Amino acid sequence: MSNQYIPDPDSRPSGNGNSYNSRREMRVSNSTGSLPVVSAGRSYTGSFDFEGLIASLRELFAKDRQVASQQDSTRCGICYLYYTLSEVRYREEEGFYVCPNCEKTLGKQTLPMIRRQQKQ
């Protein structure tokens, strides 16, 4: 007598929404026990451009590394990207540098920081 489960060919997964049973039956009916083949190609059909996003992030990080290697650079206290000192403004009240984009977003709103950036 074997412990191996052999599904009844006339039985079907119950339609009661129990996905565990249907997955189990699918695994058990797979005689090799191997995992299903997953396509290496991209099958996402949405309108979002992942390749464009990755390319723009690589470009942004390359620029960030380039600026960070300069002597007169510091990080924005909000977005953490590096800028030259001439591009950022130190906000005395909160104690951090802010880039033009983050400053525009913040406007007049104050943003308390736990730790102050050292002014250079």
PDB file of N, CA and C in Angstrom:
ATOM      1  N   MET A   1       0.846  -1.176   0.000  1.00  0.00           N
ATOM      2  CA  MET A   1       0.000   0.000   0.000  1.00  0.00           C
ATOM      3  C   MET A   1       0.888   1.235   0.000  1.00  0.00           C
ATOM      4  N   SER A   2       0.607   2.159  -0.872  1.00  0.00           N
ATOM      5  CA  SER A   2       1.426   3.360  -1.033  1.00  0.00           C
ATOM      6  C   SER A   2       0.764   4.553  -0.353  1.00  0.00           C
ATOM      7  N   ASN A   3       1.605   5.482   0.114  1.00  0.00           N
ATOM      8  CA  ASN A   3       1.096   6.704   0.702  1.00  0.00           C
ATOM      9  C   ASN A   3       0.880   7.782  -0.343  1.00  0.00           C
ATOM     10  N   GLN A   4       1.216   7.505  -1.597  1.00  0.00           N
ATOM     11  CA  GLN A   4       1.098   8.509  -2.652  1.00  0.00           C
ATOM     12  C   GLN A   4      -0.363   8.725  -3.000  1.00  0.00           C
ATOM     13  N   TYR A   5      -0.755  10.003  -3.062  1.00  0.00           N
ATOM     14  CA  TYR A   5      -2.129  10.372  -3.398  1.00  0.00           C
ATOM     15  C   TYR A   5      -2.290  10.368  -4.901  1.00  0.00           C
ATOM     16  N   ILE A   6      -3.301   9.675  -5.378  1.00  0.00           N
ATOM     17  CA  ILE A   6      -3.610   9.657  -6.801  1.00  0.00           C
ATOM     18  C   ILE A   6      -4.992  10.275  -6.952  1.00  0.00           C
ATOM     19  N   PRO A   7      -5.052  11.456  -7.599  1.00  0.00           N
ATOM     20  CA  PRO A   7      -6.354  12.123  -7.710  1.00  0.00           C
ATOM     21  C   PRO A   7      -7.307  11.361  -8.610  1.00  0.00           C
ATOM     22  N   ASP A   8      -8.568  11.450  -8.279  1.00  0.00           N
ATOM     23  CA  ASP A   8      -9.620  10.837  -9.080  1.00  0.00           C
ATOM     24  C   ASP A   8      -9.773  11.658 -10.348  1.00  0.00           C
ATOM     25  N   PRO A   9      -9.644  11.071 -11.537  1.00  0.00           N
ATOM     26  CA  PRO A   9      -9.719  11.852 -12.776  1.00  0.00           C
ATOM     27  C   PRO A   9     -11.061  12.556 -12.953  1.00  0.00           C
ATOM     28  N   ASP A  10     -12.121  12.043 -12.341  1.00  0.00           N
ATOM     29  CA  ASP A  10     -13.437  12.664 -12.469  1.00  0.00           C
ATOM     30  C   ASP A  10     -13.639  13.805 -11.484  1.00  0.00           C
ATOM     31  N   SER A  11     -12.741  13.919 -10.500  1.00  0.00           N
ATOM     32  CA  SER A  11     -12.924  14.980  -9.501  1.00  0.00           C
ATOM     33  C   SER A  11     -12.316  16.279 -10.005  1.00  0.00           C
ATOM     34  N   ARG A  12     -12.933  17.366  -9.615  1.00  0.00           N
ATOM     35  CA  ARG A  12     -12.448  18.693  -9.986  1.00  0.00           C
ATOM     36  C   ARG A  12     -12.250  19.487  -8.722  1.00  0.00           C
ATOM     37  N   PRO A  13     -11.384  20.490  -8.770  1.00  0.00           N
ATOM     38  CA  PRO A  13     -11.244  21.334  -7.583  1.00  0.00           C
ATOM     39  C   PRO A  13     -12.585  21.973  -7.254  1.00  0.00           C
ATOM     40  N   SER A  14     -12.877  22.020  -5.967  1.00  0.00           N
ATOM     41  CA  SER A  14     -14.153  22.581  -5.557  1.00  0.00           C
ATOM     42  C   SER A  14     -14.192  24.062  -5.877  1.00  0.00           C
ATOM     43  N   GLY A  15     -15.353  24.541  -6.242  1.00  0.00           N
ATOM     44  CA  GLY A  15     -15.521  25.938  -6.608  1.00  0.00           C
ATOM     45  C   GLY A  15     -15.873  26.808  -5.426  1.00  0.00           C
ATOM     46  N   ASN A  16     -15.508  26.372  -4.219  1.00  0.00           N
ATOM     47  CA  ASN A  16     -15.887  27.140  -3.043  1.00  0.00           C
ATOM     48  C   ASN A  16     -14.878  28.237  -2.702  1.00  0.00           C
ATOM     49  N   GLY A  17     -13.959  28.515  -3.596  1.00  0.00           N
ATOM     50  CA  GLY A  17     -13.001  29.582  -3.358  1.00  0.00           C
ATOM     51  C   GLY A  17     -11.821  29.152  -2.518  1.00  0.00           C
ATOM     52  N   ASN A  18     -11.707  27.878  -2.209  1.00  0.00           N
ATOM     53  CA  ASN A  18     -10.596  27.409  -1.400  1.00  0.00           C
ATOM     54  C   ASN A  18      -9.412  27.165  -2.328  1.00  0.00           C
ATOM     55  N   SER A  19      -8.563  28.159  -2.452  1.00  0.00           N
ATOM     56  CA  SER A  19      -7.444  28.056  -3.384  1.00  0.00           C
ATOM     57  C   SER A  19      -6.392  27.068  -2.897  1.00  0.00           C
ATOM     58  N   TYR A  20      -6.349  26.799  -1.578  1.00  0.00           N
ATOM     59  CA  TYR A  20      -5.376  25.853  -1.063  1.00  0.00           C
ATOM     60  C   TYR A  20      -5.616  24.474  -1.663  1.00  0.00           C
ATOM     61  N   ASN A  21      -6.873  24.053  -1.690  1.00  0.00           N
ATOM     62  CA  ASN A  21      -7.173  22.729  -2.233  1.00  0.00           C
ATOM     63  C   ASN A  21      -6.812  22.634  -3.705  1.00  0.00           C
ATOM     64  N   SER A  22      -7.134  23.649  -4.488  1.00  0.00           N
ATOM     65  CA  SER A  22      -6.839  23.575  -5.912  1.00  0.00           C
ATOM     66  C   SER A  22      -5.335  23.605  -6.164  1.00  0.00           C
ATOM     67  N   ARG A  23      -4.588  24.367  -5.364  1.00  0.00           N
ATOM     68  CA  ARG A  23      -3.127  24.371  -5.523  1.00  0.00           C
ATOM     69  C   ARG A  23      -2.555  23.023  -5.147  1.00  0.00           C
ATOM     70  N   ARG A  24      -3.078  22.443  -4.058  1.00  0.00           N
ATOM     71  CA  ARG A  24      -2.591  21.144  -3.610  1.00  0.00           C
ATOM     72  C   ARG A  24      -2.865  20.090  -4.679  1.00  0.00           C
ATOM     73  N   GLU A  25      -4.068  20.115  -5.235  1.00  0.00           N
ATOM     74  CA  GLU A  25      -4.406  19.140  -6.263  1.00  0.00           C
ATOM     75  C   GLU A  25      -3.538  19.320  -7.497  1.00  0.00           C
ATOM     76  N   MET A  26      -3.220  20.564  -7.816  1.00  0.00           N
ATOM     77  CA  MET A  26      -2.368  20.820  -8.966  1.00  0.00           C
ATOM     78  C   MET A  26      -0.964  20.271  -8.709  1.00  0.00           C
ATOM     79  N   ARG A  27      -0.436  20.472  -7.481  1.00  0.00           N
ATOM     80  CA  ARG A  27       0.900  19.971  -7.164  1.00  0.00           C
ATOM     81  C   ARG A  27       0.925  18.458  -7.179  1.00  0.00           C
ATOM     82  N   VAL A  28      -0.110  17.859  -6.612  1.00  0.00           N
ATOM     83  CA  VAL A  28      -0.144  16.407  -6.515  1.00  0.00           C
ATOM     84  C   VAL A  28      -0.284  15.777  -7.890  1.00  0.00           C
ATOM     85  N   SER A  29      -1.041  16.419  -8.771  1.00  0.00           N
ATOM     86  CA  SER A  29      -1.232  15.838 -10.096  1.00  0.00           C
ATOM     87  C   SER A  29       0.014  15.995 -10.970  1.00  0.00           C
ATOM     88  N   ASN A  30       0.938  16.843 -10.583  1.00  0.00           N
ATOM     89  CA  ASN A  30       2.182  17.005 -11.318  1.00  0.00           C
ATOM     90  C   ASN A  30       3.095  15.850 -10.927  1.00  0.00           C
ATOM     91  N   SER A  31       3.255  14.879 -11.801  1.00  0.00           N
ATOM     92  CA  SER A  31       3.946  13.642 -11.449  1.00  0.00           C
ATOM     93  C   SER A  31       5.441  13.822 -11.214  1.00  0.00           C
ATOM     94  N   THR A  32       6.047  14.842 -11.796  1.00  0.00           N
ATOM     95  CA  THR A  32       7.486  15.005 -11.633  1.00  0.00           C
ATOM     96  C   THR A  32       7.840  15.754 -10.359  1.00  0.00           C
ATOM     97  N   GLY A  33       6.917  16.548  -9.850  1.00  0.00           N
ATOM     98  CA  GLY A  33       7.206  17.333  -8.662  1.00  0.00           C
ATOM     99  C   GLY A  33       8.008  18.585  -8.958  1.00  0.00           C
ATOM    100  N   SER A  34       8.284  18.816 -10.240  1.00  0.00           N
ATOM    101  CA  SER A  34       9.075  19.998 -10.586  1.00  0.00           C
ATOM    102  C   SER A  34       8.198  21.244 -10.579  1.00  0.00           C
ATOM    103  N   LEU A  35       8.842  22.369 -10.416  1.00  0.00           N
ATOM    104  CA  LEU A  35       8.124  23.641 -10.413  1.00  0.00           C
ATOM    105  C   LEU A  35       7.726  24.013 -11.835  1.00  0.00           C
ATOM    106  N   PRO A  36       6.661  24.784 -11.985  1.00  0.00           N
ATOM    107  CA  PRO A  36       6.269  25.203 -13.337  1.00  0.00           C
ATOM    108  C   PRO A  36       7.315  26.131 -13.938  1.00  0.00           C
ATOM    109  N   VAL A  37       7.402  26.133 -15.242  1.00  0.00           N
ATOM    110  CA  VAL A  37       8.366  26.960 -15.948  1.00  0.00           C
ATOM    111  C   VAL A  37       7.915  28.413 -15.884  1.00  0.00           C
ATOM    112  N   VAL A  38       8.842  29.282 -15.493  1.00  0.00           N
ATOM    113  CA  VAL A  38       8.550  30.708 -15.427  1.00  0.00           C
ATOM    114  C   VAL A  38       9.288  31.379 -16.570  1.00  0.00           C
ATOM    115  N   SER A  39       8.564  32.189 -17.310  1.00  0.00           N
ATOM    116  CA  SER A  39       9.152  32.872 -18.457  1.00  0.00           C
ATOM    117  C   SER A  39      10.178  33.897 -17.992  1.00  0.00           C
ATOM    118  N   ALA A  40      11.315  33.952 -18.646  1.00  0.00           N
ATOM    119  CA  ALA A  40      12.338  34.938 -18.314  1.00  0.00           C
ATOM    120  C   ALA A  40      12.005  36.294 -18.913  1.00  0.00           C
ATOM    121  N   GLY A  41      11.178  36.321 -19.927  1.00  0.00           N
ATOM    122  CA  GLY A  41      10.801  37.579 -20.563  1.00  0.00           C
ATOM    123  C   GLY A  41       9.830  38.357 -19.697  1.00  0.00           C
ATOM    124  N   ARG A  42       9.732  39.619 -19.953  1.00  0.00           N
ATOM    125  CA  ARG A  42       8.821  40.467 -19.182  1.00  0.00           C
ATOM    126  C   ARG A  42       7.421  40.313 -19.760  1.00  0.00           C
ATOM    127  N   SER A  43       6.482  40.005 -18.887  1.00  0.00           N
ATOM    128  CA  SER A  43       5.123  39.800 -19.364  1.00  0.00           C
ATOM    129  C   SER A  43       4.177  40.894 -18.890  1.00  0.00           C
ATOM    130  N   TYR A  44       4.716  41.940 -18.269  1.00  0.00           N
ATOM    131  CA  TYR A  44       3.866  43.024 -17.775  1.00  0.00           C
ATOM    132  C   TYR A  44       3.348  43.820 -18.955  1.00  0.00           C
ATOM    133  N   THR A  45       2.044  43.975 -19.020  1.00  0.00           N
ATOM    134  CA  THR A  45       1.457  44.657 -20.171  1.00  0.00           C
ATOM    135  C   THR A  45       0.912  46.032 -19.814  1.00  0.00           C
ATOM    136  N   GLY A  46       1.202  46.514 -18.623  1.00  0.00           N
ATOM    137  CA  GLY A  46       0.720  47.831 -18.213  1.00  0.00           C
ATOM    138  C   GLY A  46       1.429  48.935 -18.973  1.00  0.00           C
ATOM    139  N   SER A  47       0.997  50.153 -18.733  1.00  0.00           N
ATOM    140  CA  SER A  47       1.552  51.276 -19.474  1.00  0.00           C
ATOM    141  C   SER A  47       2.768  51.894 -18.783  1.00  0.00           C
ATOM    142  N   PHE A  48       3.156  51.406 -17.609  1.00  0.00           N
ATOM    143  CA  PHE A  48       4.292  51.975 -16.894  1.00  0.00           C
ATOM    144  C   PHE A  48       5.596  51.489 -17.510  1.00  0.00           C
ATOM    145  N   ASP A  49       6.528  52.403 -17.711  1.00  0.00           N
ATOM    146  CA  ASP A  49       7.797  52.104 -18.371  1.00  0.00           C
ATOM    147  C   ASP A  49       8.879  51.825 -17.325  1.00  0.00           C
ATOM    148  N   PHE A  50       9.029  50.546 -16.931  1.00  0.00           N
ATOM    149  CA  PHE A  50      10.018  50.181 -15.925  1.00  0.00           C
ATOM    150  C   PHE A  50      11.439  50.417 -16.422  1.00  0.00           C
ATOM    151  N   GLU A  51      11.684  50.112 -17.684  1.00  0.00           N
ATOM    152  CA  GLU A  51      13.027  50.306 -18.229  1.00  0.00           C
ATOM    153  C   GLU A  51      13.413  51.785 -18.175  1.00  0.00           C
ATOM    154  N   GLY A  52      12.465  52.658 -18.494  1.00  0.00           N
ATOM    155  CA  GLY A  52      12.712  54.098 -18.416  1.00  0.00           C
ATOM    156  C   GLY A  52      12.983  54.547 -16.997  1.00  0.00           C
ATOM    157  N   LEU A  53      12.244  53.982 -16.046  1.00  0.00           N
ATOM    158  CA  LEU A  53      12.454  54.306 -14.637  1.00  0.00           C
ATOM    159  C   LEU A  53      13.850  53.882 -14.193  1.00  0.00           C
ATOM    160  N   ILE A  54      14.239  52.674 -14.518  1.00  0.00           N
ATOM    161  CA  ILE A  54      15.563  52.167 -14.139  1.00  0.00           C
ATOM    162  C   ILE A  54      16.654  53.023 -14.767  1.00  0.00           C
ATOM    163  N   ALA A  55      16.497  53.381 -16.025  1.00  0.00           N
ATOM    164  CA  ALA A  55      17.495  54.212 -16.713  1.00  0.00           C
ATOM    165  C   ALA A  55      17.601  55.585 -16.059  1.00  0.00           C
ATOM    166  N   SER A  56      16.472  56.191 -15.711  1.00  0.00           N
ATOM    167  CA  SER A  56      16.532  57.518 -15.091  1.00  0.00           C
ATOM    168  C   SER A  56      17.116  57.449 -13.689  1.00  0.00           C
ATOM    169  N   LEU A  57      16.840  56.367 -12.948  1.00  0.00           N
ATOM    170  CA  LEU A  57      17.448  56.214 -11.619  1.00  0.00           C
ATOM    171  C   LEU A  57      18.950  56.011 -11.713  1.00  0.00           C
ATOM    172  N   ARG A  58      19.399  55.233 -12.690  1.00  0.00           N
ATOM    173  CA  ARG A  58      20.843  55.051 -12.875  1.00  0.00           C
ATOM    174  C   ARG A  58      21.520  56.374 -13.188  1.00  0.00           C
ATOM    175  N   GLU A  59      20.880  57.169 -14.034  1.00  0.00           N
ATOM    176  CA  GLU A  59      21.419  58.483 -14.389  1.00  0.00           C
ATOM    177  C   GLU A  59      21.467  59.400 -13.161  1.00  0.00           C
ATOM    178  N   LEU A  60      20.393  59.383 -12.380  1.00  0.00           N
ATOM    179  CA  LEU A  60      20.333  60.207 -11.169  1.00  0.00           C
ATOM    180  C   LEU A  60      21.414  59.802 -10.174  1.00  0.00           C
ATOM    181  N   PHE A  61      21.582  58.510  -9.949  1.00  0.00           N
ATOM    182  CA  PHE A  61      22.587  58.048  -8.989  1.00  0.00           C
ATOM    183  C   PHE A  61      24.008  58.281  -9.495  1.00  0.00           C
ATOM    184  N   ALA A  62      24.218  58.188 -10.785  1.00  0.00           N
ATOM    185  CA  ALA A  62      25.545  58.485 -11.344  1.00  0.00           C
ATOM    186  C   ALA A  62      25.887  59.957 -11.117  1.00  0.00           C
ATOM    187  N   LYS A  63      24.917  60.832 -11.356  1.00  0.00           N
ATOM    188  CA  LYS A  63      25.122  62.260 -11.111  1.00  0.00           C
ATOM    189  C   LYS A  63      25.357  62.505  -9.623  1.00  0.00           C
ATOM    190  N   ASP A  64      24.600  61.832  -8.774  1.00  0.00           N
ATOM    191  CA  ASP A  64      24.740  61.984  -7.328  1.00  0.00           C
ATOM    192  C   ASP A  64      26.141  61.574  -6.865  1.00  0.00           C
ATOM    193  N   ARG A  65      26.646  60.460  -7.378  1.00  0.00           N
ATOM    194  CA  ARG A  65      28.002  60.013  -7.016  1.00  0.00           C
ATOM    195  C   ARG A  65      29.052  61.002  -7.499  1.00  0.00           C
ATOM    196  N   GLN A  66      28.828  61.552  -8.692  1.00  0.00           N
ATOM    197  CA  GLN A  66      29.771  62.520  -9.250  1.00  0.00           C
ATOM    198  C   GLN A  66      29.818  63.776  -8.381  1.00  0.00           C
ATOM    199  N   VAL A  67      28.657  64.294  -7.986  1.00  0.00           N
ATOM    200  CA  VAL A  67      28.614  65.496  -7.146  1.00  0.00           C
ATOM    201  C   VAL A  67      29.167  65.189  -5.754  1.00  0.00           C
ATOM    202  N   ALA A  68      28.860  64.010  -5.219  1.00  0.00           N
ATOM    203  CA  ALA A  68      29.329  63.636  -3.880  1.00  0.00           C
ATOM    204  C   ALA A  68      30.843  63.571  -3.804  1.00  0.00           C
ATOM    205  N   SER A  69      31.495  63.291  -4.923  1.00  0.00           N
ATOM    206  CA  SER A  69      32.961  63.186  -4.914  1.00  0.00           C
ATOM    207  C   SER A  69      33.642  64.554  -4.918  1.00  0.00           C
ATOM    208  N   GLN A  70      32.878  65.622  -5.122  1.00  0.00           N
ATOM    209  CA  GLN A  70      33.458  66.967  -5.129  1.00  0.00           C
ATOM    210  C   GLN A  70      33.652  67.462  -3.694  1.00  0.00           C
ATOM    211  N   GLN A  71      34.622  68.333  -3.538  1.00  0.00           N
ATOM    212  CA  GLN A  71      34.983  68.847  -2.222  1.00  0.00           C
ATOM    213  C   GLN A  71      33.877  69.704  -1.608  1.00  0.00           C
ATOM    214  N   ASP A  72      33.205  70.515  -2.395  1.00  0.00           N
ATOM    215  CA  ASP A  72      32.215  71.463  -1.868  1.00  0.00           C
ATOM    216  C   ASP A  72      30.788  70.944  -2.016  1.00  0.00           C
ATOM    217  N   SER A  73      30.544  69.673  -1.672  1.00  0.00           N
ATOM    218  CA  SER A  73      29.203  69.111  -1.801  1.00  0.00           C
ATOM    219  C   SER A  73      28.648  68.728  -0.442  1.00  0.00           C
ATOM    220  N   THR A  74      27.340  68.732  -0.369  1.00  0.00           N
ATOM    221  CA  THR A  74      26.646  68.288   0.837  1.00  0.00           C
ATOM    222  C   THR A  74      25.288  67.719   0.427  1.00  0.00           C
ATOM    223  N   ARG A  75      24.690  66.990   1.328  1.00  0.00           N
ATOM    224  CA  ARG A  75      23.398  66.371   1.035  1.00  0.00           C
ATOM    225  C   ARG A  75      22.247  67.291   1.409  1.00  0.00           C
ATOM    226  N   CYS A  76      21.192  67.183   0.637  1.00  0.00           N
ATOM    227  CA  CYS A  76      19.930  67.828   1.002  1.00  0.00           C
ATOM    228  C   CYS A  76      19.385  67.044   2.200  1.00  0.00           C
ATOM    229  N   GLY A  77      18.923  67.753   3.209  1.00  0.00           N
ATOM    230  CA  GLY A  77      18.392  67.093   4.398  1.00  0.00           C
ATOM    231  C   GLY A  77      17.060  66.408   4.182  1.00  0.00           C
ATOM    232  N   ILE A  78      16.428  66.625   3.042  1.00  0.00           N
ATOM    233  CA  ILE A  78      15.125  66.023   2.760  1.00  0.00           C
ATOM    234  C   ILE A  78      15.259  64.825   1.817  1.00  0.00           C
ATOM    235  N   CYS A  79      15.793  65.049   0.623  1.00  0.00           N
ATOM    236  CA  CYS A  79      15.867  63.967  -0.375  1.00  0.00           C
ATOM    237  C   CYS A  79      17.181  63.187  -0.306  1.00  0.00           C
ATOM    238  N   TYR A  80      18.169  63.690   0.441  1.00  0.00           N
ATOM    239  CA  TYR A  80      19.469  63.032   0.647  1.00  0.00           C
ATOM    240  C   TYR A  80      20.339  62.929  -0.590  1.00  0.00           C
ATOM    241  N   LEU A  81      19.991  63.655  -1.640  1.00  0.00           N
ATOM    242  CA  LEU A  81      20.872  63.700  -2.805  1.00  0.00           C
ATOM    243  C   LEU A  81      21.932  64.761  -2.572  1.00  0.00           C
ATOM    244  N   TYR A  82      23.098  64.560  -3.191  1.00  0.00           N
ATOM    245  CA  TYR A  82      24.201  65.510  -3.044  1.00  0.00           C
ATOM    246  C   TYR A  82      24.051  66.680  -4.001  1.00  0.00           C
ATOM    247  N   TYR A  83      24.413  67.850  -3.520  1.00  0.00           N
ATOM    248  CA  TYR A  83      24.421  69.086  -4.299  1.00  0.00           C
ATOM    249  C   TYR A  83      25.664  69.865  -3.919  1.00  0.00           C
ATOM    250  N   THR A  84      26.095  70.750  -4.818  1.00  0.00           N
ATOM    251  CA  THR A  84      27.185  71.650  -4.442  1.00  0.00           C
ATOM    252  C   THR A  84      26.623  72.670  -3.462  1.00  0.00           C
ATOM    253  N   LEU A  85      27.491  73.241  -2.647  1.00  0.00           N
ATOM    254  CA  LEU A  85      27.052  74.203  -1.646  1.00  0.00           C
ATOM    255  C   LEU A  85      26.354  75.414  -2.261  1.00  0.00           C
ATOM    256  N   SER A  86      26.729  75.755  -3.493  1.00  0.00           N
ATOM    257  CA  SER A  86      26.094  76.901  -4.137  1.00  0.00           C
ATOM    258  C   SER A  86      24.651  76.598  -4.570  1.00  0.00           C
ATOM    259  N   GLU A  87      24.291  75.318  -4.664  1.00  0.00           N
ATOM    260  CA  GLU A  87      22.947  74.935  -5.098  1.00  0.00           C
ATOM    261  C   GLU A  87      21.958  74.800  -3.943  1.00  0.00           C
ATOM    262  N   VAL A  88      22.434  74.626  -2.731  1.00  0.00           N
ATOM    263  CA  VAL A  88      21.551  74.395  -1.589  1.00  0.00           C
ATOM    264  C   VAL A  88      21.537  75.598  -0.657  1.00  0.00           C
ATOM    265  N   ARG A  89      20.525  75.649   0.192  1.00  0.00           N
ATOM    266  CA  ARG A  89      20.416  76.723   1.174  1.00  0.00           C
ATOM    267  C   ARG A  89      20.308  76.084   2.553  1.00  0.00           C
ATOM    268  N   TYR A  90      21.037  76.650   3.508  1.00  0.00           N
ATOM    269  CA  TYR A  90      20.984  76.131   4.877  1.00  0.00           C
ATOM    270  C   TYR A  90      19.821  76.788   5.604  1.00  0.00           C
ATOM    271  N   ARG A  91      18.941  75.986   6.133  1.00  0.00           N
ATOM    272  CA  ARG A  91      17.799  76.503   6.890  1.00  0.00           C
ATOM    273  C   ARG A  91      18.198  76.529   8.359  1.00  0.00           C
ATOM    274  N   GLU A  92      18.546  77.708   8.847  1.00  0.00           N
ATOM    275  CA  GLU A  92      19.055  77.891  10.205  1.00  0.00           C
ATOM    276  C   GLU A  92      18.081  77.363  11.265  1.00  0.00           C
ATOM    277  N   GLU A  93      16.805  77.675  11.086  1.00  0.00           N
ATOM    278  CA  GLU A  93      15.811  77.316  12.092  1.00  0.00           C
ATOM    279  C   GLU A  93      15.744  75.810  12.327  1.00  0.00           C
ATOM    280  N   GLU A  94      15.771  75.037  11.226  1.00  0.00           N
ATOM    281  CA  GLU A  94      15.687  73.578  11.363  1.00  0.00           C
ATOM    282  C   GLU A  94      17.066  72.913  11.417  1.00  0.00           C
ATOM    283  N   GLY A  95      18.049  73.539  10.827  1.00  0.00           N
ATOM    284  CA  GLY A  95      19.401  73.002  10.890  1.00  0.00           C
ATOM    285  C   GLY A  95      19.744  71.990   9.816  1.00  0.00           C
ATOM    286  N   PHE A  96      19.320  72.242   8.580  1.00  0.00           N
ATOM    287  CA  PHE A  96      19.705  71.350   7.498  1.00  0.00           C
ATOM    288  C   PHE A  96      19.746  72.108   6.179  1.00  0.00           C
ATOM    289  N   TYR A  97      20.492  71.512   5.225  1.00  0.00           N
ATOM    290  CA  TYR A  97      20.535  72.052   3.871  1.00  0.00           C
ATOM    291  C   TYR A  97      19.322  71.546   3.101  1.00  0.00           C
ATOM    292  N   VAL A  98      18.844  72.397   2.198  1.00  0.00           N
ATOM    293  CA  VAL A  98      17.697  72.005   1.387  1.00  0.00           C
ATOM    294  C   VAL A  98      17.967  72.389  -0.067  1.00  0.00           C
ATOM    295  N   CYS A  99      17.654  71.468  -0.976  1.00  0.00           N
ATOM    296  CA  CYS A  99      17.836  71.710  -2.410  1.00  0.00           C
ATOM    297  C   CYS A  99      16.651  72.537  -2.927  1.00  0.00           C
ATOM    298  N   PRO A 100      16.770  73.108  -4.107  1.00  0.00           N
ATOM    299  CA  PRO A 100      15.672  73.925  -4.652  1.00  0.00           C
ATOM    300  C   PRO A 100      14.341  73.185  -4.790  1.00  0.00           C
ATOM    301  N   ASN A 101      14.375  71.936  -5.218  1.00  0.00           N
ATOM    302  CA  ASN A 101      13.126  71.175  -5.382  1.00  0.00           C
ATOM    303  C   ASN A 101      12.433  70.932  -4.050  1.00  0.00           C
ATOM    304  N   CYS A 102      13.192  70.526  -3.050  1.00  0.00           N
ATOM    305  CA  CYS A 102      12.595  70.266  -1.739  1.00  0.00           C
ATOM    306  C   CYS A 102      12.157  71.574  -1.080  1.00  0.00           C
ATOM    307  N   GLU A 103      12.920  72.630  -1.303  1.00  0.00           N
ATOM    308  CA  GLU A 103      12.546  73.922  -0.734  1.00  0.00           C
ATOM    309  C   GLU A 103      11.228  74.407  -1.334  1.00  0.00           C
ATOM    310  N   LYS A 104      11.068  74.198  -2.611  1.00  0.00           N
ATOM    311  CA  LYS A 104       9.824  74.587  -3.281  1.00  0.00           C
ATOM    312  C   LYS A 104       8.649  73.783  -2.707  1.00  0.00           C
ATOM    313  N   THR A 105       8.867  72.501  -2.484  1.00  0.00           N
ATOM    314  CA  THR A 105       7.826  71.643  -1.933  1.00  0.00           C
ATOM    315  C   THR A 105       7.486  72.030  -0.492  1.00  0.00           C
ATOM    316  N   LEU A 106       8.518  72.314   0.305  1.00  0.00           N
ATOM    317  CA  LEU A 106       8.296  72.688   1.705  1.00  0.00           C
ATOM    318  C   LEU A 106       7.653  74.061   1.857  1.00  0.00           C
ATOM    319  N   GLY A 107       8.050  74.978   0.995  1.00  0.00           N
ATOM    320  CA  GLY A 107       7.541  76.341   1.113  1.00  0.00           C
ATOM    321  C   GLY A 107       7.961  76.952   2.442  1.00  0.00           C
ATOM    322  N   LYS A 108       7.023  77.551   3.140  1.00  0.00           N
ATOM    323  CA  LYS A 108       7.298  78.189   4.429  1.00  0.00           C
ATOM    324  C   LYS A 108       7.154  77.223   5.603  1.00  0.00           C
ATOM    325  N   GLN A 109       6.746  75.999   5.314  1.00  0.00           N
ATOM    326  CA  GLN A 109       6.542  75.013   6.374  1.00  0.00           C
ATOM    327  C   GLN A 109       7.862  74.658   7.039  1.00  0.00           C
ATOM    328  N   THR A 110       7.876  74.598   8.368  1.00  0.00           N
ATOM    329  CA  THR A 110       9.083  74.183   9.085  1.00  0.00           C
ATOM    330  C   THR A 110       9.050  72.678   9.261  1.00  0.00           C
ATOM    331  N   LEU A 111      10.218  72.100   9.274  1.00  0.00           N
ATOM    332  CA  LEU A 111      10.346  70.657   9.396  1.00  0.00           C
ATOM    333  C   LEU A 111      11.410  70.361  10.448  1.00  0.00           C
ATOM    334  N   PRO A 112      11.015  70.035  11.657  1.00  0.00           N
ATOM    335  CA  PRO A 112      12.010  69.767  12.703  1.00  0.00           C
ATOM    336  C   PRO A 112      12.788  68.485  12.405  1.00  0.00           C
ATOM    337  N   MET A 113      14.084  68.556  12.646  1.00  0.00           N
ATOM    338  CA  MET A 113      14.953  67.394  12.439  1.00  0.00           C
ATOM    339  C   MET A 113      15.453  66.906  13.796  1.00  0.00           C
ATOM    340  N   ILE A 114      15.680  65.626  13.884  1.00  0.00           N
ATOM    341  CA  ILE A 114      16.214  65.055  15.116  1.00  0.00           C
ATOM    342  C   ILE A 114      17.665  65.486  15.291  1.00  0.00           C
ATOM    343  N   ARG A 115      18.410  65.467  14.202  1.00  0.00           N
ATOM    344  CA  ARG A 115      19.823  65.857  14.233  1.00  0.00           C
ATOM    345  C   ARG A 115      20.072  66.967  13.230  1.00  0.00           C
ATOM    346  N   ARG A 116      20.789  67.960  13.619  1.00  0.00           N
ATOM    347  CA  ARG A 116      21.113  69.075  12.745  1.00  0.00           C
ATOM    348  C   ARG A 116      22.301  68.723  11.870  1.00  0.00           C
ATOM    349  N   GLN A 117      22.266  69.180  10.623  1.00  0.00           N
ATOM    350  CA  GLN A 117      23.435  69.039   9.754  1.00  0.00           C
ATOM    351  C   GLN A 117      24.425  70.124  10.129  1.00  0.00           C
ATOM    352  N   GLN A 118      25.693  69.779  10.069  1.00  0.00           N
ATOM    353  CA  GLN A 118      26.718  70.777  10.345  1.00  0.00           C
ATOM    354  C   GLN A 118      26.810  71.723   9.170  1.00  0.00           C
ATOM    355  N   LYS A 119      26.767  73.015   9.452  1.00  0.00           N
ATOM    356  CA  LYS A 119      26.849  74.016   8.393  1.00  0.00           C
ATOM    357  C   LYS A 119      28.288  74.115   7.930  1.00  0.00           C
ATOM    358  N   GLN A 120      28.470  74.103   6.617  1.00  0.00           N
ATOM    359  CA  GLN A 120      29.838  74.160   6.050  1.00  0.00           C
ATOM    360  C   GLN A 120      30.152  75.542   5.572  1.00  0.00           C
TER     361      GLN A 120
END
